[in-house]
Amino acid sequence: MTSPALIASERLTRALVDTASRGLRAHCSDPTTSALWLSEDEPERAEAVRLCRGCPVIQPCRTAATANNETFGVFGGKDFTRRPGKKKAA
């Protein structure tokens, strides 16, 4: 049986390949801004959340991050970073 996390990750991969085949790419793959998505700096991650708006793979990205129980970084327009003693970031 295939896990939900693997299914979600495969859907994201297919969406990224489809996007690339149309000559498009997600902002997170741009080498000039890619560090924002995994930054230790909360304002930089907030910028990544803003840059996710309108991304052609935003939904499969968020679904894969949720299925994989991500705990750090921005995925699908949401900051999944959790800090001890702090409320989960939105």
PDB file of N, CA and C in Angstrom:
ATOM      1  N   MET A   1       0.842  -1.191   0.000  1.00  0.00           N
ATOM      2  CA  MET A   1       0.000   0.000   0.000  1.00  0.00           C
ATOM      3  C   MET A   1       0.888   1.256   0.000  1.00  0.00           C
ATOM      4  N   THR A   2       0.525   2.212  -0.819  1.00  0.00           N
ATOM      5  CA  THR A   2       1.285   3.449  -0.935  1.00  0.00           C
ATOM      6  C   THR A   2       0.812   4.434   0.129  1.00  0.00           C
ATOM      7  N   SER A   3       1.765   5.078   0.790  1.00  0.00           N
ATOM      8  CA  SER A   3       1.421   6.016   1.860  1.00  0.00           C
ATOM      9  C   SER A   3       0.851   7.316   1.292  1.00  0.00           C
ATOM     10  N   PRO A   4      -0.011   7.985   2.066  1.00  0.00           N
ATOM     11  CA  PRO A   4      -0.537   9.287   1.634  1.00  0.00           C
ATOM     12  C   PRO A   4       0.574  10.307   1.384  1.00  0.00           C
ATOM     13  N   ALA A   5       1.645  10.249   2.174  1.00  0.00           N
ATOM     14  CA  ALA A   5       2.756  11.185   1.986  1.00  0.00           C
ATOM     15  C   ALA A   5       3.434  10.960   0.642  1.00  0.00           C
ATOM     16  N   LEU A   6       3.629   9.692   0.273  1.00  0.00           N
ATOM     17  CA  LEU A   6       4.258   9.389  -1.014  1.00  0.00           C
ATOM     18  C   LEU A   6       3.358   9.813  -2.170  1.00  0.00           C
ATOM     19  N   ILE A   7       2.079   9.567  -2.058  1.00  0.00           N
ATOM     20  CA  ILE A   7       1.125   9.978  -3.098  1.00  0.00           C
ATOM     21  C   ILE A   7       1.153  11.497  -3.265  1.00  0.00           C
ATOM     22  N   ALA A   8       1.112  12.218  -2.150  1.00  0.00           N
ATOM     23  CA  ALA A   8       1.121  13.688  -2.206  1.00  0.00           C
ATOM     24  C   ALA A   8       2.426  14.198  -2.810  1.00  0.00           C
ATOM     25  N   SER A   9       3.534  13.588  -2.455  1.00  0.00           N
ATOM     26  CA  SER A   9       4.828  13.999  -3.001  1.00  0.00           C
ATOM     27  C   SER A   9       4.905  13.726  -4.502  1.00  0.00           C
ATOM     28  N   GLU A  10       4.374  12.605  -4.934  1.00  0.00           N
ATOM     29  CA  GLU A  10       4.360  12.288  -6.373  1.00  0.00           C
ATOM     30  C   GLU A  10       3.467  13.263  -7.141  1.00  0.00           C
ATOM     31  N   ARG A  11       2.347  13.655  -6.548  1.00  0.00           N
ATOM     32  CA  ARG A  11       1.479  14.650  -7.196  1.00  0.00           C
ATOM     33  C   ARG A  11       2.191  15.990  -7.325  1.00  0.00           C
ATOM     34  N   LEU A  12       2.926  16.364  -6.301  1.00  0.00           N
ATOM     35  CA  LEU A  12       3.688  17.611  -6.358  1.00  0.00           C
ATOM     36  C   LEU A  12       4.750  17.523  -7.453  1.00  0.00           C
ATOM     37  N   THR A  13       5.445  16.414  -7.530  1.00  0.00           N
ATOM     38  CA  THR A  13       6.465  16.249  -8.572  1.00  0.00           C
ATOM     39  C   THR A  13       5.844  16.365  -9.953  1.00  0.00           C
ATOM     40  N   ARG A  14       4.710  15.722 -10.168  1.00  0.00           N
ATOM     41  CA  ARG A  14       4.035  15.808 -11.467  1.00  0.00           C
ATOM     42  C   ARG A  14       3.618  17.243 -11.768  1.00  0.00           C
ATOM     43  N   ALA A  15       3.121  17.956 -10.767  1.00  0.00           N
ATOM     44  CA  ALA A  15       2.711  19.349 -10.963  1.00  0.00           C
ATOM     45  C   ALA A  15       3.913  20.226 -11.311  1.00  0.00           C
ATOM     46  N   LEU A  16       5.042  19.994 -10.664  1.00  0.00           N
ATOM     47  CA  LEU A  16       6.256  20.762 -10.963  1.00  0.00           C
ATOM     48  C   LEU A  16       6.762  20.475 -12.372  1.00  0.00           C
ATOM     49  N   VAL A  17       6.727  19.215 -12.770  1.00  0.00           N
ATOM     50  CA  VAL A  17       7.161  18.845 -14.124  1.00  0.00           C
ATOM     51  C   VAL A  17       6.229  19.470 -15.153  1.00  0.00           C
ATOM     52  N   ASP A  18       4.939  19.412 -14.910  1.00  0.00           N
ATOM     53  CA  ASP A  18       3.972  20.016 -15.828  1.00  0.00           C
ATOM     54  C   ASP A  18       4.201  21.525 -15.936  1.00  0.00           C
ATOM     55  N   THR A  19       4.431  22.161 -14.818  1.00  0.00           N
ATOM     56  CA  THR A  19       4.687  23.601 -14.797  1.00  0.00           C
ATOM     57  C   THR A  19       5.951  23.927 -15.602  1.00  0.00           C
ATOM     58  N   ALA A  20       6.992  23.159 -15.393  1.00  0.00           N
ATOM     59  CA  ALA A  20       8.252  23.379 -16.119  1.00  0.00           C
ATOM     60  C   ALA A  20       8.072  23.151 -17.614  1.00  0.00           C
ATOM     61  N   SER A  21       7.227  22.181 -17.972  1.00  0.00           N
ATOM     62  CA  SER A  21       7.018  21.899 -19.400  1.00  0.00           C
ATOM     63  C   SER A  21       6.315  23.054 -20.112  1.00  0.00           C
ATOM     64  N   ARG A  22       5.661  23.903 -19.327  1.00  0.00           N
ATOM     65  CA  ARG A  22       5.012  25.092 -19.890  1.00  0.00           C
ATOM     66  C   ARG A  22       5.922  26.317 -19.817  1.00  0.00           C
ATOM     67  N   GLY A  23       7.171  26.090 -19.411  1.00  0.00           N
ATOM     68  CA  GLY A  23       8.133  27.186 -19.339  1.00  0.00           C
ATOM     69  C   GLY A  23       7.994  28.038 -18.088  1.00  0.00           C
ATOM     70  N   LEU A  24       7.325  27.524 -17.077  1.00  0.00           N
ATOM     71  CA  LEU A  24       7.122  28.259 -15.831  1.00  0.00           C
ATOM     72  C   LEU A  24       7.882  27.563 -14.703  1.00  0.00           C
ATOM     73  N   ARG A  25       8.080  28.297 -13.617  1.00  0.00           N
ATOM     74  CA  ARG A  25       8.643  27.667 -12.433  1.00  0.00           C
ATOM     75  C   ARG A  25       8.159  28.397 -11.191  1.00  0.00           C
ATOM     76  N   ALA A  26       8.207  27.691 -10.107  1.00  0.00           N
ATOM     77  CA  ALA A  26       7.809  28.266  -8.821  1.00  0.00           C
ATOM     78  C   ALA A  26       8.900  29.225  -8.337  1.00  0.00           C
ATOM     79  N   HIS A  27       8.514  30.257  -7.601  1.00  0.00           N
ATOM     80  CA  HIS A  27       9.498  31.214  -7.069  1.00  0.00           C
ATOM     81  C   HIS A  27      10.518  30.517  -6.169  1.00  0.00           C
ATOM     82  N   CYS A  28      10.096  29.476  -5.481  1.00  0.00           N
ATOM     83  CA  CYS A  28      11.018  28.798  -4.561  1.00  0.00           C
ATOM     84  C   CYS A  28      12.173  28.120  -5.297  1.00  0.00           C
ATOM     85  N   SER A  29      12.041  27.941  -6.599  1.00  0.00           N
ATOM     86  CA  SER A  29      13.132  27.332  -7.362  1.00  0.00           C
ATOM     87  C   SER A  29      14.071  28.371  -7.966  1.00  0.00           C
ATOM     88  N   ASP A  30      13.788  29.639  -7.759  1.00  0.00           N
ATOM     89  CA  ASP A  30      14.644  30.720  -8.261  1.00  0.00           C
ATOM     90  C   ASP A  30      15.870  30.834  -7.346  1.00  0.00           C
ATOM     91  N   PRO A  31      17.062  30.652  -7.881  1.00  0.00           N
ATOM     92  CA  PRO A  31      18.250  30.688  -7.030  1.00  0.00           C
ATOM     93  C   PRO A  31      18.458  32.003  -6.288  1.00  0.00           C
ATOM     94  N   THR A  32      17.875  33.088  -6.768  1.00  0.00           N
ATOM     95  CA  THR A  32      18.064  34.378  -6.094  1.00  0.00           C
ATOM     96  C   THR A  32      17.165  34.532  -4.865  1.00  0.00           C
ATOM     97  N   THR A  33      16.111  33.723  -4.760  1.00  0.00           N
ATOM     98  CA  THR A  33      15.191  33.838  -3.619  1.00  0.00           C
ATOM     99  C   THR A  33      14.962  32.527  -2.879  1.00  0.00           C
ATOM    100  N   SER A  34      15.494  31.428  -3.363  1.00  0.00           N
ATOM    101  CA  SER A  34      15.159  30.109  -2.807  1.00  0.00           C
ATOM    102  C   SER A  34      15.465  29.963  -1.316  1.00  0.00           C
ATOM    103  N   ALA A  35      16.438  30.683  -0.806  1.00  0.00           N
ATOM    104  CA  ALA A  35      16.795  30.572   0.614  1.00  0.00           C
ATOM    105  C   ALA A  35      15.690  31.079   1.540  1.00  0.00           C
ATOM    106  N   LEU A  36      14.795  31.908   1.029  1.00  0.00           N
ATOM    107  CA  LEU A  36      13.721  32.458   1.870  1.00  0.00           C
ATOM    108  C   LEU A  36      12.836  31.366   2.444  1.00  0.00           C
ATOM    109  N   TRP A  37      12.593  30.305   1.695  1.00  0.00           N
ATOM    110  CA  TRP A  37      11.642  29.271   2.094  1.00  0.00           C
ATOM    111  C   TRP A  37      12.115  28.461   3.290  1.00  0.00           C
ATOM    112  N   LEU A  38      13.415  28.403   3.508  1.00  0.00           N
ATOM    113  CA  LEU A  38      13.957  27.653   4.645  1.00  0.00           C
ATOM    114  C   LEU A  38      14.797  28.537   5.562  1.00  0.00           C
ATOM    115  N   SER A  39      14.515  29.817   5.531  1.00  0.00           N
ATOM    116  CA  SER A  39      15.277  30.766   6.340  1.00  0.00           C
ATOM    117  C   SER A  39      14.965  30.615   7.831  1.00  0.00           C
ATOM    118  N   GLU A  40      15.969  30.877   8.656  1.00  0.00           N
ATOM    119  CA  GLU A  40      15.775  30.946  10.114  1.00  0.00           C
ATOM    120  C   GLU A  40      15.058  32.238  10.494  1.00  0.00           C
ATOM    121  N   ASP A  41      15.070  33.215   9.594  1.00  0.00           N
ATOM    122  CA  ASP A  41      14.530  34.546   9.844  1.00  0.00           C
ATOM    123  C   ASP A  41      13.032  34.591   9.509  1.00  0.00           C
ATOM    124  N   GLU A  42      12.216  34.846  10.516  1.00  0.00           N
ATOM    125  CA  GLU A  42      10.766  34.845  10.313  1.00  0.00           C
ATOM    126  C   GLU A  42      10.298  35.844   9.251  1.00  0.00           C
ATOM    127  N   PRO A  43      10.819  37.088   9.215  1.00  0.00           N
ATOM    128  CA  PRO A  43      10.401  38.011   8.154  1.00  0.00           C
ATOM    129  C   PRO A  43      10.754  37.504   6.743  1.00  0.00           C
ATOM    130  N   GLU A  44      11.858  36.791   6.624  1.00  0.00           N
ATOM    131  CA  GLU A  44      12.194  36.227   5.312  1.00  0.00           C
ATOM    132  C   GLU A  44      11.205  35.129   4.927  1.00  0.00           C
ATOM    133  N   ARG A  45      10.807  34.306   5.899  1.00  0.00           N
ATOM    134  CA  ARG A  45       9.799  33.285   5.597  1.00  0.00           C
ATOM    135  C   ARG A  45       8.465  33.932   5.270  1.00  0.00           C
ATOM    136  N   ALA A  46       8.157  35.058   5.895  1.00  0.00           N
ATOM    137  CA  ALA A  46       6.919  35.781   5.574  1.00  0.00           C
ATOM    138  C   ALA A  46       6.956  36.271   4.126  1.00  0.00           C
ATOM    139  N   GLU A  47       8.122  36.685   3.672  1.00  0.00           N
ATOM    140  CA  GLU A  47       8.279  37.085   2.268  1.00  0.00           C
ATOM    141  C   GLU A  47       8.059  35.879   1.356  1.00  0.00           C
ATOM    142  N   ALA A  48       8.556  34.720   1.762  1.00  0.00           N
ATOM    143  CA  ALA A  48       8.334  33.499   0.974  1.00  0.00           C
ATOM    144  C   ALA A  48       6.837  33.188   0.881  1.00  0.00           C
ATOM    145  N   VAL A  49       6.126  33.336   1.981  1.00  0.00           N
ATOM    146  CA  VAL A  49       4.667  33.116   1.973  1.00  0.00           C
ATOM    147  C   VAL A  49       4.025  34.047   0.948  1.00  0.00           C
ATOM    148  N   ARG A  50       4.441  35.308   0.942  1.00  0.00           N
ATOM    149  CA  ARG A  50       3.885  36.283  -0.003  1.00  0.00           C
ATOM    150  C   ARG A  50       4.212  35.876  -1.450  1.00  0.00           C
ATOM    151  N   LEU A  51       5.432  35.433  -1.672  1.00  0.00           N
ATOM    152  CA  LEU A  51       5.838  35.040  -3.022  1.00  0.00           C
ATOM    153  C   LEU A  51       5.112  33.787  -3.519  1.00  0.00           C
ATOM    154  N   CYS A  52       4.603  32.982  -2.614  1.00  0.00           N
ATOM    155  CA  CYS A  52       3.852  31.780  -3.006  1.00  0.00           C
ATOM    156  C   CYS A  52       2.506  32.127  -3.655  1.00  0.00           C
ATOM    157  N   ARG A  53       1.979  33.286  -3.354  1.00  0.00           N
ATOM    158  CA  ARG A  53       0.665  33.650  -3.916  1.00  0.00           C
ATOM    159  C   ARG A  53       0.698  33.555  -5.435  1.00  0.00           C
ATOM    160  N   GLY A  54      -0.281  32.871  -5.977  1.00  0.00           N
ATOM    161  CA  GLY A  54      -0.383  32.727  -7.416  1.00  0.00           C
ATOM    162  C   GLY A  54       0.493  31.627  -7.996  1.00  0.00           C
ATOM    163  N   CYS A  55       1.213  30.906  -7.153  1.00  0.00           N
ATOM    164  CA  CYS A  55       2.078  29.832  -7.638  1.00  0.00           C
ATOM    165  C   CYS A  55       1.213  28.723  -8.249  1.00  0.00           C
ATOM    166  N   PRO A  56       1.627  28.206  -9.407  1.00  0.00           N
ATOM    167  CA  PRO A  56       0.827  27.167 -10.057  1.00  0.00           C
ATOM    168  C   PRO A  56       0.824  25.822  -9.324  1.00  0.00           C
ATOM    169  N   VAL A  57       1.707  25.640  -8.347  1.00  0.00           N
ATOM    170  CA  VAL A  57       1.734  24.370  -7.609  1.00  0.00           C
ATOM    171  C   VAL A  57       1.466  24.566  -6.118  1.00  0.00           C
ATOM    172  N   ILE A  58       0.832  25.672  -5.757  1.00  0.00           N
ATOM    173  CA  ILE A  58       0.640  25.988  -4.339  1.00  0.00           C
ATOM    174  C   ILE A  58      -0.140  24.900  -3.597  1.00  0.00           C
ATOM    175  N   GLN A  59      -1.201  24.398  -4.197  1.00  0.00           N
ATOM    176  CA  GLN A  59      -2.007  23.404  -3.492  1.00  0.00           C
ATOM    177  C   GLN A  59      -1.299  22.059  -3.338  1.00  0.00           C
ATOM    178  N   PRO A  60      -0.735  21.489  -4.400  1.00  0.00           N
ATOM    179  CA  PRO A  60      -0.030  20.220  -4.181  1.00  0.00           C
ATOM    180  C   PRO A  60       1.196  20.368  -3.273  1.00  0.00           C
ATOM    181  N   CYS A  61       1.805  21.532  -3.263  1.00  0.00           N
ATOM    182  CA  CYS A  61       2.940  21.785  -2.384  1.00  0.00           C
ATOM    183  C   CYS A  61       2.494  21.747  -0.923  1.00  0.00           C
ATOM    184  N   ARG A  62       1.410  22.444  -0.617  1.00  0.00           N
ATOM    185  CA  ARG A  62       0.909  22.468   0.759  1.00  0.00           C
ATOM    186  C   ARG A  62       0.426  21.086   1.182  1.00  0.00           C
ATOM    187  N   THR A  63      -0.249  20.394   0.273  1.00  0.00           N
ATOM    188  CA  THR A  63      -0.756  19.057   0.584  1.00  0.00           C
ATOM    189  C   THR A  63       0.405  18.103   0.888  1.00  0.00           C
ATOM    190  N   ALA A  64       1.469  18.166   0.093  1.00  0.00           N
ATOM    191  CA  ALA A  64       2.630  17.301   0.325  1.00  0.00           C
ATOM    192  C   ALA A  64       3.305  17.643   1.652  1.00  0.00           C
ATOM    193  N   ALA A  65       3.429  18.919   1.964  1.00  0.00           N
ATOM    194  CA  ALA A  65       4.053  19.326   3.230  1.00  0.00           C
ATOM    195  C   ALA A  65       3.236  18.836   4.415  1.00  0.00           C
ATOM    196  N   THR A  66       1.928  18.940   4.319  1.00  0.00           N
ATOM    197  CA  THR A  66       1.053  18.467   5.392  1.00  0.00           C
ATOM    198  C   THR A  66       1.176  16.952   5.539  1.00  0.00           C
ATOM    199  N   ALA A  67       1.130  16.243   4.421  1.00  0.00           N
ATOM    200  CA  ALA A  67       1.225  14.781   4.450  1.00  0.00           C
ATOM    201  C   ALA A  67       2.569  14.305   4.985  1.00  0.00           C
ATOM    202  N   ASN A  68       3.616  15.083   4.749  1.00  0.00           N
ATOM    203  CA  ASN A  68       4.955  14.721   5.211  1.00  0.00           C
ATOM    204  C   ASN A  68       5.283  15.287   6.591  1.00  0.00           C
ATOM    205  N   ASN A  69       4.292  15.906   7.228  1.00  0.00           N
ATOM    206  CA  ASN A  69       4.464  16.464   8.576  1.00  0.00           C
ATOM    207  C   ASN A  69       5.657  17.407   8.679  1.00  0.00           C
ATOM    208  N   GLU A  70       5.777  18.300   7.693  1.00  0.00           N
ATOM    209  CA  GLU A  70       6.866  19.283   7.726  1.00  0.00           C
ATOM    210  C   GLU A  70       6.743  20.131   8.987  1.00  0.00           C
ATOM    211  N   THR A  71       7.875  20.461   9.575  1.00  0.00           N
ATOM    212  CA  THR A  71       7.884  21.270  10.795  1.00  0.00           C
ATOM    213  C   THR A  71       8.750  22.511  10.669  1.00  0.00           C
ATOM    214  N   PHE A  72       9.341  22.731   9.495  1.00  0.00           N
ATOM    215  CA  PHE A  72      10.159  23.918   9.311  1.00  0.00           C
ATOM    216  C   PHE A  72      10.129  24.334   7.856  1.00  0.00           C
ATOM    217  N   GLY A  73       9.888  25.608   7.628  1.00  0.00           N
ATOM    218  CA  GLY A  73       9.932  26.152   6.282  1.00  0.00           C
ATOM    219  C   GLY A  73       8.561  26.494   5.736  1.00  0.00           C
ATOM    220  N   VAL A  74       8.593  27.106   4.572  1.00  0.00           N
ATOM    221  CA  VAL A  74       7.369  27.546   3.892  1.00  0.00           C
ATOM    222  C   VAL A  74       7.080  26.583   2.752  1.00  0.00           C
ATOM    223  N   PHE A  75       5.854  26.116   2.725  1.00  0.00           N
ATOM    224  CA  PHE A  75       5.393  25.201   1.687  1.00  0.00           C
ATOM    225  C   PHE A  75       3.966  25.580   1.333  1.00  0.00           C
ATOM    226  N   GLY A  76       3.695  25.732   0.054  1.00  0.00           N
ATOM    227  CA  GLY A  76       2.329  26.005  -0.377  1.00  0.00           C
ATOM    228  C   GLY A  76       1.729  27.256   0.231  1.00  0.00           C
ATOM    229  N   GLY A  77       2.541  28.271   0.433  1.00  0.00           N
ATOM    230  CA  GLY A  77       2.030  29.529   0.960  1.00  0.00           C
ATOM    231  C   GLY A  77       1.759  29.530   2.452  1.00  0.00           C
ATOM    232  N   LYS A  78       2.302  28.543   3.159  1.00  0.00           N
ATOM    233  CA  LYS A  78       2.104  28.459   4.614  1.00  0.00           C
ATOM    234  C   LYS A  78       3.448  28.224   5.287  1.00  0.00           C
ATOM    235  N   ASP A  79       3.667  28.938   6.384  1.00  0.00           N
ATOM    236  CA  ASP A  79       4.885  28.735   7.167  1.00  0.00           C
ATOM    237  C   ASP A  79       4.616  27.607   8.162  1.00  0.00           C
ATOM    238  N   PHE A  80       5.254  26.484   7.957  1.00  0.00           N
ATOM    239  CA  PHE A  80       5.066  25.312   8.806  1.00  0.00           C
ATOM    240  C   PHE A  80       6.006  25.304  10.008  1.00  0.00           C
ATOM    241  N   THR A  81       6.801  26.346  10.172  1.00  0.00           N
ATOM    242  CA  THR A  81       7.794  26.389  11.234  1.00  0.00           C
ATOM    243  C   THR A  81       7.124  26.374  12.595  1.00  0.00           C
ATOM    244  N   ARG A  82       7.601  25.454  13.421  1.00  0.00           N
ATOM    245  CA  ARG A  82       7.098  25.352  14.797  1.00  0.00           C
ATOM    246  C   ARG A  82       8.261  25.603  15.733  1.00  0.00           C
ATOM    247  N   ARG A  83       8.042  26.463  16.682  1.00  0.00           N
ATOM    248  CA  ARG A  83       9.066  26.776  17.672  1.00  0.00           C
ATOM    249  C   ARG A  83       8.535  26.359  19.040  1.00  0.00           C
ATOM    250  N   PRO A  84       9.384  25.760  19.868  1.00  0.00           N
ATOM    251  CA  PRO A  84       8.955  25.395  21.226  1.00  0.00           C
ATOM    252  C   PRO A  84       8.434  26.612  21.981  1.00  0.00           C
ATOM    253  N   GLY A  85       7.302  26.464  22.584  1.00  0.00           N
ATOM    254  CA  GLY A  85       6.725  27.547  23.375  1.00  0.00           C
ATOM    255  C   GLY A  85       6.016  28.610  22.568  1.00  0.00           C
ATOM    256  N   LYS A  86       6.015  28.485  21.239  1.00  0.00           N
ATOM    257  CA  LYS A  86       5.332  29.461  20.400  1.00  0.00           C
ATOM    258  C   LYS A  86       4.184  28.789  19.680  1.00  0.00           C
ATOM    259  N   LYS A  87       3.198  29.586  19.378  1.00  0.00           N
ATOM    260  CA  LYS A  87       2.074  29.116  18.601  1.00  0.00           C
ATOM    261  C   LYS A  87       2.527  28.764  17.195  1.00  0.00           C
ATOM    262  N   LYS A  88       1.921  27.760  16.600  1.00  0.00           N
ATOM    263  CA  LYS A  88       2.262  27.363  15.229  1.00  0.00           C
ATOM    264  C   LYS A  88       2.034  28.548  14.302  1.00  0.00           C
ATOM    265  N   ALA A  89       3.023  28.827  13.447  1.00  0.00           N
ATOM    266  CA  ALA A  89       2.926  29.955  12.510  1.00  0.00           C
ATOM    267  C   ALA A  89       1.855  29.683  11.480  1.00  0.00           C
ATOM    268  N   ALA A  90       1.206  30.754  11.047  1.00  0.00           N
ATOM    269  CA  ALA A  90       0.116  30.624  10.054  1.00  0.00           C
ATOM    270  C   ALA A  90       0.613  30.679   8.651  1.00  0.00           C
TER     271      ALA A  90
END
